Amino acid sequence: MIFVTVIEPRNREIYVNGVYDDPLGPTPTLVTLNAGSHIFETLTSGPGPRLVDYTGSVDNVPELGSETIDLQPIVPPKPKGT
């Protein structure tokens, strides 16, 4: 297991590795995952399709390792899964 703390953006649900039906969060939050690389995203709210508006990742985190990240904005937001 690894431990990833996602700080920014505040008060947003976090989605991991393109799984958009099981949010983790709200931020700031500590996420426990399998060792390795992972992608973190947030989605826009409101009417219409939800888009990815913040993203960040951790790469090759070893077993029992930890990381702290801030997600970065995507301008313009992109469709999920792209």
PDB file of N, CA and C in Angstrom:
ATOM      1  N   MET A   1       0.830  -1.181   0.000  1.00  0.00           N
ATOM      2  CA  MET A   1       0.000   0.000   0.000  1.00  0.00           C
ATOM      3  C   MET A   1       0.878   1.249   0.000  1.00  0.00           C
ATOM      4  N   ILE A   2       0.335   2.318  -0.612  1.00  0.00           N
ATOM      5  CA  ILE A   2       0.981   3.623  -0.575  1.00  0.00           C
ATOM      6  C   ILE A   2      -0.027   4.647  -0.061  1.00  0.00           C
ATOM      7  N   PHE A   3       0.472   5.784   0.329  1.00  0.00           N
ATOM      8  CA  PHE A   3      -0.359   6.828   0.914  1.00  0.00           C
ATOM      9  C   PHE A   3      -0.126   8.123   0.140  1.00  0.00           C
ATOM     10  N   VAL A   4      -1.196   8.639  -0.482  1.00  0.00           N
ATOM     11  CA  VAL A   4      -1.093   9.865  -1.261  1.00  0.00           C
ATOM     12  C   VAL A   4      -2.037  10.899  -0.650  1.00  0.00           C
ATOM     13  N   THR A   5      -1.483  12.043  -0.290  1.00  0.00           N
ATOM     14  CA  THR A   5      -2.278  13.147   0.221  1.00  0.00           C
ATOM     15  C   THR A   5      -2.487  14.147  -0.908  1.00  0.00           C
ATOM     16  N   VAL A   6      -3.754  14.416  -1.239  1.00  0.00           N
ATOM     17  CA  VAL A   6      -4.101  15.392  -2.267  1.00  0.00           C
ATOM     18  C   VAL A   6      -4.601  16.639  -1.542  1.00  0.00           C
ATOM     19  N   ILE A   7      -3.912  17.762  -1.742  1.00  0.00           N
ATOM     20  CA  ILE A   7      -4.227  19.000  -1.026  1.00  0.00           C
ATOM     21  C   ILE A   7      -5.136  19.922  -1.841  1.00  0.00           C
ATOM     22  N   GLU A   8      -4.711  20.284  -3.045  1.00  0.00           N
ATOM     23  CA  GLU A   8      -5.426  21.258  -3.884  1.00  0.00           C
ATOM     24  C   GLU A   8      -5.988  20.580  -5.118  1.00  0.00           C
ATOM     25  N   PRO A   9      -7.115  21.030  -5.605  1.00  0.00           N
ATOM     26  CA  PRO A   9      -7.957  22.132  -5.174  1.00  0.00           C
ATOM     27  C   PRO A   9      -8.800  21.707  -3.972  1.00  0.00           C
ATOM     28  N   ARG A  10      -9.078  22.630  -3.105  1.00  0.00           N
ATOM     29  CA  ARG A  10      -9.805  22.338  -1.868  1.00  0.00           C
ATOM     30  C   ARG A  10     -11.280  22.042  -2.120  1.00  0.00           C
ATOM     31  N   ASN A  11     -11.833  21.159  -1.272  1.00  0.00           N
ATOM     32  CA  ASN A  11     -13.271  20.814  -1.259  1.00  0.00           C
ATOM     33  C   ASN A  11     -13.768  20.250  -2.575  1.00  0.00           C
ATOM     34  N   ARG A  12     -12.968  19.415  -3.211  1.00  0.00           N
ATOM     35  CA  ARG A  12     -13.353  18.775  -4.473  1.00  0.00           C
ATOM     36  C   ARG A  12     -13.246  17.265  -4.320  1.00  0.00           C
ATOM     37  N   GLU A  13     -14.154  16.527  -4.964  1.00  0.00           N
ATOM     38  CA  GLU A  13     -14.083  15.069  -4.990  1.00  0.00           C
ATOM     39  C   GLU A  13     -12.954  14.648  -5.927  1.00  0.00           C
ATOM     40  N   ILE A  14     -12.193  13.642  -5.530  1.00  0.00           N
ATOM     41  CA  ILE A  14     -11.059  13.145  -6.297  1.00  0.00           C
ATOM     42  C   ILE A  14     -11.433  11.809  -6.929  1.00  0.00           C
ATOM     43  N   TYR A  15     -11.022  11.629  -8.173  1.00  0.00           N
ATOM     44  CA  TYR A  15     -11.213  10.371  -8.893  1.00  0.00           C
ATOM     45  C   TYR A  15      -9.832   9.835  -9.250  1.00  0.00           C
ATOM     46  N   VAL A  16      -9.665   8.508  -9.145  1.00  0.00           N
ATOM     47  CA  VAL A  16      -8.353   7.906  -9.345  1.00  0.00           C
ATOM     48  C   VAL A  16      -8.396   6.932 -10.513  1.00  0.00           C
ATOM     49  N   ASN A  17      -7.419   7.064 -11.397  1.00  0.00           N
ATOM     50  CA  ASN A  17      -7.191   6.135 -12.506  1.00  0.00           C
ATOM     51  C   ASN A  17      -8.401   5.985 -13.419  1.00  0.00           C
ATOM     52  N   GLY A  18      -9.142   7.063 -13.634  1.00  0.00           N
ATOM     53  CA  GLY A  18     -10.255   7.038 -14.575  1.00  0.00           C
ATOM     54  C   GLY A  18     -11.503   6.335 -14.087  1.00  0.00           C
ATOM     55  N   VAL A  19     -11.597   6.045 -12.796  1.00  0.00           N
ATOM     56  CA  VAL A  19     -12.798   5.446 -12.222  1.00  0.00           C
ATOM     57  C   VAL A  19     -13.655   6.592 -11.693  1.00  0.00           C
ATOM     58  N   TYR A  20     -14.696   6.951 -12.463  1.00  0.00           N
ATOM     59  CA  TYR A  20     -15.484   8.139 -12.163  1.00  0.00           C
ATOM     60  C   TYR A  20     -16.768   7.846 -11.388  1.00  0.00           C
ATOM     61  N   ASP A  21     -17.014   6.592 -11.017  1.00  0.00           N
ATOM     62  CA  ASP A  21     -18.219   6.296 -10.259  1.00  0.00           C
ATOM     63  C   ASP A  21     -17.944   6.114  -8.767  1.00  0.00           C
ATOM     64  N   ASP A  22     -16.689   6.281  -8.349  1.00  0.00           N
ATOM     65  CA  ASP A  22     -16.327   6.079  -6.945  1.00  0.00           C
ATOM     66  C   ASP A  22     -15.381   7.189  -6.484  1.00  0.00           C
ATOM     67  N   PRO A  23     -15.929   8.395  -6.169  1.00  0.00           N
ATOM     68  CA  PRO A  23     -15.055   9.497  -5.778  1.00  0.00           C
ATOM     69  C   PRO A  23     -14.432   9.277  -4.406  1.00  0.00           C
ATOM     70  N   LEU A  24     -13.232   9.812  -4.254  1.00  0.00           N
ATOM     71  CA  LEU A  24     -12.526   9.804  -2.978  1.00  0.00           C
ATOM     72  C   LEU A  24     -12.345  11.256  -2.575  1.00  0.00           C
ATOM     73  N   GLY A  25     -12.497  11.559  -1.353  1.00  0.00           N
ATOM     74  CA  GLY A  25     -12.345  12.973  -0.982  1.00  0.00           C
ATOM     75  C   GLY A  25     -13.481  13.388  -0.088  1.00  0.00           C
ATOM     76  N   PRO A  26     -13.760  14.628   0.072  1.00  0.00           N
ATOM     77  CA  PRO A  26     -13.229  15.789  -0.627  1.00  0.00           C
ATOM     78  C   PRO A  26     -11.831  16.174  -0.146  1.00  0.00           C
ATOM     79  N   THR A  27     -11.167  16.949  -0.970  1.00  0.00           N
ATOM     80  CA  THR A  27      -9.811  17.381  -0.656  1.00  0.00           C
ATOM     81  C   THR A  27      -9.834  18.430   0.445  1.00  0.00           C
ATOM     82  N   PRO A  28      -8.804  18.535   1.249  1.00  0.00           N
ATOM     83  CA  PRO A  28      -7.643  17.665   1.252  1.00  0.00           C
ATOM     84  C   PRO A  28      -8.000  16.298   1.819  1.00  0.00           C
ATOM     85  N   THR A  29      -7.363  15.271   1.275  1.00  0.00           N
ATOM     86  CA  THR A  29      -7.665  13.911   1.696  1.00  0.00           C
ATOM     87  C   THR A  29      -6.446  13.016   1.544  1.00  0.00           C
ATOM     88  N   LEU A  30      -6.406  11.959   2.332  1.00  0.00           N
ATOM     89  CA  LEU A  30      -5.378  10.937   2.246  1.00  0.00           C
ATOM     90  C   LEU A  30      -5.989   9.727   1.559  1.00  0.00           C
ATOM     91  N   VAL A  31      -5.351   9.265   0.481  1.00  0.00           N
ATOM     92  CA  VAL A  31      -5.835   8.131  -0.295  1.00  0.00           C
ATOM     93  C   VAL A  31      -4.846   6.988  -0.139  1.00  0.00           C
ATOM     94  N   THR A  32      -5.338   5.790   0.140  1.00  0.00           N
ATOM     95  CA  THR A  32      -4.508   4.596   0.240  1.00  0.00           C
ATOM     96  C   THR A  32      -4.715   3.763  -1.016  1.00  0.00           C
ATOM     97  N   LEU A  33      -3.614   3.423  -1.710  1.00  0.00           N
ATOM     98  CA  LEU A  33      -3.674   2.698  -2.981  1.00  0.00           C
ATOM     99  C   LEU A  33      -2.603   1.625  -3.024  1.00  0.00           C
ATOM    100  N   ASN A  34      -2.663   0.786  -4.047  1.00  0.00           N
ATOM    101  CA  ASN A  34      -1.591  -0.178  -4.290  1.00  0.00           C
ATOM    102  C   ASN A  34      -0.342   0.560  -4.741  1.00  0.00           C
ATOM    103  N   ALA A  35       0.823  -0.009  -4.475  1.00  0.00           N
ATOM    104  CA  ALA A  35       2.083   0.593  -4.902  1.00  0.00           C
ATOM    105  C   ALA A  35       2.078   0.766  -6.419  1.00  0.00           C
ATOM    106  N   GLY A  36       2.766   1.807  -6.900  1.00  0.00           N
ATOM    107  CA  GLY A  36       2.862   2.035  -8.339  1.00  0.00           C
ATOM    108  C   GLY A  36       2.527   3.455  -8.717  1.00  0.00           C
ATOM    109  N   SER A  37       2.060   3.626  -9.970  1.00  0.00           N
ATOM    110  CA  SER A  37       1.725   4.930 -10.529  1.00  0.00           C
ATOM    111  C   SER A  37       0.212   5.108 -10.583  1.00  0.00           C
ATOM    112  N   HIS A  38      -0.260   6.330 -10.309  1.00  0.00           N
ATOM    113  CA  HIS A  38      -1.691   6.603 -10.279  1.00  0.00           C
ATOM    114  C   HIS A  38      -1.968   8.014 -10.785  1.00  0.00           C
ATOM    115  N   ILE A  39      -3.146   8.195 -11.409  1.00  0.00           N
ATOM    116  CA  ILE A  39      -3.585   9.484 -11.928  1.00  0.00           C
ATOM    117  C   ILE A  39      -4.781   9.944 -11.109  1.00  0.00           C
ATOM    118  N   PHE A  40      -4.761  11.213 -10.695  1.00  0.00           N
ATOM    119  CA  PHE A  40      -5.816  11.814  -9.890  1.00  0.00           C
ATOM    120  C   PHE A  40      -6.468  12.922 -10.700  1.00  0.00           C
ATOM    121  N   GLU A  41      -7.807  13.019 -10.615  1.00  0.00           N
ATOM    122  CA  GLU A  41      -8.536  14.043 -11.364  1.00  0.00           C
ATOM    123  C   GLU A  41      -9.720  14.557 -10.559  1.00  0.00           C
ATOM    124  N   THR A  42     -10.173  15.767 -10.910  1.00  0.00           N
ATOM    125  CA  THR A  42     -11.455  16.289 -10.425  1.00  0.00           C
ATOM    126  C   THR A  42     -12.305  16.584 -11.647  1.00  0.00           C
ATOM    127  N   LEU A  43     -13.623  16.649 -11.432  1.00  0.00           N
ATOM    128  CA  LEU A  43     -14.556  16.905 -12.525  1.00  0.00           C
ATOM    129  C   LEU A  43     -15.324  18.195 -12.286  1.00  0.00           C
ATOM    130  N   THR A  44     -15.704  18.848 -13.387  1.00  0.00           N
ATOM    131  CA  THR A  44     -16.545  20.039 -13.299  1.00  0.00           C
ATOM    132  C   THR A  44     -17.920  19.631 -12.785  1.00  0.00           C
ATOM    133  N   SER A  45     -18.667  20.611 -12.275  1.00  0.00           N
ATOM    134  CA  SER A  45     -20.040  20.356 -11.843  1.00  0.00           C
ATOM    135  C   SER A  45     -20.972  21.190 -12.707  1.00  0.00           C
ATOM    136  N   GLY A  46     -22.250  21.032 -12.490  1.00  0.00           N
ATOM    137  CA  GLY A  46     -23.219  21.829 -13.228  1.00  0.00           C
ATOM    138  C   GLY A  46     -23.868  21.045 -14.354  1.00  0.00           C
ATOM    139  N   PRO A  47     -24.680  21.742 -15.150  1.00  0.00           N
ATOM    140  CA  PRO A  47     -25.379  21.064 -16.238  1.00  0.00           C
ATOM    141  C   PRO A  47     -24.407  20.654 -17.354  1.00  0.00           C
ATOM    142  N   GLY A  48     -24.836  19.689 -18.142  1.00  0.00           N
ATOM    143  CA  GLY A  48     -24.019  19.230 -19.256  1.00  0.00           C
ATOM    144  C   GLY A  48     -23.037  18.158 -18.829  1.00  0.00           C
ATOM    145  N   PRO A  49     -22.213  17.710 -19.764  1.00  0.00           N
ATOM    146  CA  PRO A  49     -21.255  16.649 -19.440  1.00  0.00           C
ATOM    147  C   PRO A  49     -20.196  17.146 -18.458  1.00  0.00           C
ATOM    148  N   ARG A  50     -19.809  16.283 -17.553  1.00  0.00           N
ATOM    149  CA  ARG A  50     -18.758  16.626 -16.600  1.00  0.00           C
ATOM    150  C   ARG A  50     -17.405  16.457 -17.279  1.00  0.00           C
ATOM    151  N   LEU A  51     -16.532  17.420 -17.086  1.00  0.00           N
ATOM    152  CA  LEU A  51     -15.218  17.423 -17.712  1.00  0.00           C
ATOM    153  C   LEU A  51     -14.124  17.393 -16.654  1.00  0.00           C
ATOM    154  N   VAL A  52     -12.962  16.862 -17.020  1.00  0.00           N
ATOM    155  CA  VAL A  52     -11.802  16.856 -16.128  1.00  0.00           C
ATOM    156  C   VAL A  52     -11.221  18.265 -16.109  1.00  0.00           C
ATOM    157  N   ASP A  53     -11.173  18.877 -14.917  1.00  0.00           N
ATOM    158  CA  ASP A  53     -10.661  20.243 -14.831  1.00  0.00           C
ATOM    159  C   ASP A  53      -9.382  20.388 -14.003  1.00  0.00           C
ATOM    160  N   TYR A  54      -9.000  19.361 -13.241  1.00  0.00           N
ATOM    161  CA  TYR A  54      -7.716  19.334 -12.529  1.00  0.00           C
ATOM    162  C   TYR A  54      -7.154  17.928 -12.630  1.00  0.00           C
ATOM    163  N   THR A  55      -5.834  17.818 -12.713  1.00  0.00           N
ATOM    164  CA  THR A  55      -5.202  16.503 -12.788  1.00  0.00           C
ATOM    165  C   THR A  55      -3.827  16.532 -12.130  1.00  0.00           C
ATOM    166  N   GLY A  56      -3.374  15.366 -11.735  1.00  0.00           N
ATOM    167  CA  GLY A  56      -2.047  15.190 -11.164  1.00  0.00           C
ATOM    168  C   GLY A  56      -1.750  13.708 -11.087  1.00  0.00           C
ATOM    169  N   SER A  57      -0.497  13.359 -10.849  1.00  0.00           N
ATOM    170  CA  SER A  57      -0.142  11.946 -10.806  1.00  0.00           C
ATOM    171  C   SER A  57       1.027  11.708  -9.865  1.00  0.00           C
ATOM    172  N   VAL A  58       1.183  10.452  -9.503  1.00  0.00           N
ATOM    173  CA  VAL A  58       2.362   9.975  -8.788  1.00  0.00           C
ATOM    174  C   VAL A  58       2.927   8.830  -9.617  1.00  0.00           C
ATOM    175  N   ASP A  59       4.247   8.718  -9.646  1.00  0.00           N
ATOM    176  CA  ASP A  59       4.902   7.721 -10.486  1.00  0.00           C
ATOM    177  C   ASP A  59       5.760   6.773  -9.664  1.00  0.00           C
ATOM    178  N   ASN A  60       5.500   5.485  -9.835  1.00  0.00           N
ATOM    179  CA  ASN A  60       6.333   4.433  -9.250  1.00  0.00           C
ATOM    180  C   ASN A  60       6.590   4.601  -7.762  1.00  0.00           C
ATOM    181  N   VAL A  61       5.536   4.836  -6.993  1.00  0.00           N
ATOM    182  CA  VAL A  61       5.678   4.965  -5.545  1.00  0.00           C
ATOM    183  C   VAL A  61       5.857   3.554  -4.973  1.00  0.00           C
ATOM    184  N   PRO A  62       6.939   3.319  -4.223  1.00  0.00           N
ATOM    185  CA  PRO A  62       7.185   1.972  -3.688  1.00  0.00           C
ATOM    186  C   PRO A  62       6.249   1.630  -2.532  1.00  0.00           C
ATOM    187  N   GLU A  63       6.158   0.364  -2.248  1.00  0.00           N
ATOM    188  CA  GLU A  63       5.346  -0.144  -1.138  1.00  0.00           C
ATOM    189  C   GLU A  63       5.651   0.638   0.141  1.00  0.00           C
ATOM    190  N   LEU A  64       4.606   1.069   0.836  1.00  0.00           N
ATOM    191  CA  LEU A  64       4.646   1.855   2.061  1.00  0.00           C
ATOM    192  C   LEU A  64       5.190   3.267   1.857  1.00  0.00           C
ATOM    193  N   GLY A  65       5.329   3.692   0.603  1.00  0.00           N
ATOM    194  CA  GLY A  65       5.773   5.046   0.311  1.00  0.00           C
ATOM    195  C   GLY A  65       4.636   6.030   0.461  1.00  0.00           C
ATOM    196  N   SER A  66       4.995   7.317   0.473  1.00  0.00           N
ATOM    197  CA  SER A  66       3.971   8.356   0.563  1.00  0.00           C
ATOM    198  C   SER A  66       4.354   9.537  -0.320  1.00  0.00           C
ATOM    199  N   GLU A  67       3.330  10.249  -0.803  1.00  0.00           N
ATOM    200  CA  GLU A  67       3.496  11.440  -1.633  1.00  0.00           C
ATOM    201  C   GLU A  67       2.431  12.444  -1.222  1.00  0.00           C
ATOM    202  N   THR A  68       2.726  13.721  -1.400  1.00  0.00           N
ATOM    203  CA  THR A  68       1.752  14.793  -1.239  1.00  0.00           C
ATOM    204  C   THR A  68       1.732  15.569  -2.542  1.00  0.00           C
ATOM    205  N   ILE A  69       0.519  15.773  -3.124  1.00  0.00           N
ATOM    206  CA  ILE A  69       0.435  16.453  -4.407  1.00  0.00           C
ATOM    207  C   ILE A  69      -0.667  17.508  -4.395  1.00  0.00           C
ATOM    208  N   ASP A  70      -0.497  18.486  -5.279  1.00  0.00           N
ATOM    209  CA  ASP A  70      -1.524  19.461  -5.621  1.00  0.00           C
ATOM    210  C   ASP A  70      -1.887  19.210  -7.075  1.00  0.00           C
ATOM    211  N   LEU A  71      -3.168  19.084  -7.375  1.00  0.00           N
ATOM    212  CA  LEU A  71      -3.587  18.900  -8.757  1.00  0.00           C
ATOM    213  C   LEU A  71      -3.473  20.227  -9.497  1.00  0.00           C
ATOM    214  N   GLN A  72      -3.182  20.140 -10.789  1.00  0.00           N
ATOM    215  CA  GLN A  72      -2.996  21.324 -11.621  1.00  0.00           C
ATOM    216  C   GLN A  72      -4.196  21.506 -12.539  1.00  0.00           C
ATOM    217  N   PRO A  73      -4.597  22.766 -12.805  1.00  0.00           N
ATOM    218  CA  PRO A  73      -5.767  23.005 -13.666  1.00  0.00           C
ATOM    219  C   PRO A  73      -5.507  22.601 -15.105  1.00  0.00           C
ATOM    220  N   ILE A  74      -6.559  22.166 -15.784  1.00  0.00           N
ATOM    221  CA  ILE A  74      -6.547  21.872 -17.216  1.00  0.00           C
ATOM    222  C   ILE A  74      -7.394  22.940 -17.876  1.00  0.00           C
ATOM    223  N   VAL A  75      -6.775  23.714 -18.774  1.00  0.00           N
ATOM    224  CA  VAL A  75      -7.487  24.804 -19.446  1.00  0.00           C
ATOM    225  C   VAL A  75      -7.340  24.609 -20.947  1.00  0.00           C
ATOM    226  N   PRO A  76      -8.427  24.389 -21.659  1.00  0.00           N
ATOM    227  CA  PRO A  76      -9.793  24.215 -21.160  1.00  0.00           C
ATOM    228  C   PRO A  76      -9.972  22.794 -20.617  1.00  0.00           C
ATOM    229  N   PRO A  77     -10.997  22.581 -19.789  1.00  0.00           N
ATOM    230  CA  PRO A  77     -11.267  21.229 -19.287  1.00  0.00           C
ATOM    231  C   PRO A  77     -11.456  20.254 -20.446  1.00  0.00           C
ATOM    232  N   LYS A  78     -11.104  18.970 -20.197  1.00  0.00           N
ATOM    233  CA  LYS A  78     -11.194  17.956 -21.249  1.00  0.00           C
ATOM    234  C   LYS A  78     -12.212  16.881 -20.881  1.00  0.00           C
ATOM    235  N   PRO A  79     -12.715  16.163 -21.878  1.00  0.00           N
ATOM    236  CA  PRO A  79     -13.649  15.059 -21.593  1.00  0.00           C
ATOM    237  C   PRO A  79     -12.992  13.972 -20.754  1.00  0.00           C
ATOM    238  N   LYS A  80     -13.780  13.265 -19.972  1.00  0.00           N
ATOM    239  CA  LYS A  80     -13.289  12.151 -19.155  1.00  0.00           C
ATOM    240  C   LYS A  80     -12.684  11.086 -20.052  1.00  0.00           C
ATOM    241  N   GLY A  81     -11.612  10.463 -19.564  1.00  0.00           N
ATOM    242  CA  GLY A  81     -11.010   9.332 -20.261  1.00  0.00           C
ATOM    243  C   GLY A  81     -10.151   9.690 -21.468  1.00  0.00           C
ATOM    244  N   THR A  82      -9.816  10.976 -21.629  1.00  0.00           N
ATOM    245  CA  THR A  82      -8.948  11.337 -22.771  1.00  0.00           C
ATOM    246  C   THR A  82      -7.593  11.802 -22.314  1.00  0.00           C
TER     247      THR A  82
END
